Amino acid sequence: MNATPDIANVWSLQSRYDVLVELAPDGIFVHDGNRIVLVNAAALHLAGASRAEEVIGLPIDTFLRPPHLKALQAEIIGSQVPTRSAEPVRETFSRLDGSTLPVETRAVLFSDQGRLAIHLVVRDMTQRVAAEVISRTVEERMHQAQRMEASGALAGGVAHEVNNMMTVVLGYSDFLLTDGHLPLEAIPDVQQIAKAATRAAAITQQLLAFSRRIHHTPAVIDLGEWVRTSISMLQRLLTGSRTLTVAHEISAPVRIDPAQLEQVLTNLVLNARDATQPYGNVTISTNVVHLTFGSTSAEGVVIPAGEYVTLSVSDNGSGMSDDTMKRIFEPFFSTKPVGEGTGLGLAAVHGMLRQSGGYITVESTVGEGSNFVVLLPVHGHQSTNQRDRAAFDYTTTVSLPLASVLIVDGEAAVRMVAVRALEESGLSVVTAADEHEALALIAQNGPPDLVIADIEVPAVGGSDLARQLAMRFPLLPIVFLSGYSPDHLFQPHMGGRHPFTIQKPFSPGQLVSVVLASLSHRAVMPRASPAVV
């Protein structure tokens, strides 16, 4: 029998095998007795070698030192089962130049001319690991942004409820102080009650700022010029021998509520002051940057590409750890000792900036300091169209014939405070707990001279009630009571009119002043009547 054709076939198969191994995209290391005996081109690339001679003969431990390999080798050699494969394992691959790569390894036992050898397949996982890191980072930031949104919604709801209660406390404190029957020795006590309620109201304002539910009046300002005019005020915030440095003031117009901007900068400077030693330094700078690609803010929100004015506040203080930086914008989180801070300063900064379309980033190193950067979109014009509101002097008292007022508020205690304040001013007052009750009263008695509605009134809400009344009674004045003042109150659904808004908590005097101002404005107009359909 002639065996030449069989030998030819064997050589052909061997040649094909060699080609397949050489062209395989993964690195292949064949090692026998822990020594490498065969490598392909991909393996040379992984090792950082240019010739096979640089790798062949080296111990496999030169590149891979996974503990599982020795156990695997003993297991699969002991089994004497060729082509048995092990599950892939993530490992670190050491290159000849000392650098490392993340890899995935898979070991296969095979027989070569009667000898068992380990066929090790090594796949470079650099890009995949990088993609996984990016994916985890994006997911973490998304969860962080969701937590911030949830915290904001909770904070806004809590602030609204607290403002209702503080309205009652301030109202009855005012009644006690003005009725003339309070014993003199009790006056300081009631004044302290009112003072505490006012302090609580200030804290709820910070909660509302965090939840982006605080009323703001944006204007177009030059940020650099605004910082220059604020230097003396900011310097007074720095105690001890701390210094304030104002760096390059390149700027452009931005649109933001100046009062909120002042609070943002004040909170950031106070935060820097508290992080520095008595001889520390705080630096403020402004600049204009163009983001070609969207980046991510400190609270996990994606910053769109575009042109921004930056306001940077940096210090050389104690710095922050990564864990601390992840939580600094959460409400009530503080690194200060108990009793030395509310933990609302940076949370309020976050909320006010997001309400104005701005963002904030932070970089910090423990022991070296921190750098907070506020980014505000560049405004395209030097001026802005301010809302066309009639200017009323809320302190003006007017003499009006007996006017009727409908109060719509879900809180009975708030309604009682408002009723007492307005009736003592000579007004006729009726109340409703929700929209349905209010509409029923109007259907029965006709429209009042003025409606006071809480924006959070039960059922459909005060703004929806206002829309219905504006359609039926176009000239009927409406005053909103609000634990917060969302911008949607001033949308065109009011027919171009901008209703008065009283921020809770309010004093009886504030309520009376706004109501009288609104009624005096109405006094020069025809009496409200249903719209002709």
Foldseek 3Di string as FASTA:
>chain_A
DDCVVVVVVVVVVVVVVVVCQQPPCWWKFKDDPQFTADIHPNVCVQQVHDDVVVRGGDGPVVWFDDPVVVVVVCVVVVVVDFFDKDDWDWGWTAHPVGDIFIWIKMWGWHADPNGIIIIITIGGCRVVVVVVVVVVVLVVLVVLLVVLQVLLVVLLVVLQVLLLVLLLLQLVLVCLVPVPPNDPVCNVVSVVSNVVSVVSNVVSLLSCLLSLQADAFKKKDKVLVLVVVCVVVLVVLADAQEEEAEDERATFIFIARVVLVVLLVNLLSNVQNVQADSHKYKYKYKDKDFAPQWDAFLSSHTRHTGIWIKIKIKIQGFWDDPVCSNPLLRFQDDPDPPPPDRSRSNSSSQRRQVSRVKGWHKDTDGNGIIMIMIIGHHDPDNTDDGQDADDFDLLDADDDDAFEEEEEAQDPSSVVSQCVLVVVVRHHYDYHQALVRVVVVCVVPNDTQEYEYEQDRPDPGDLVSLLVCCQFWVLRAYEYEYSGHDPVQCDCSNVSHRHHYDHGSDYSSSSNSSVRRRSVVSVVDDGTGTDDD
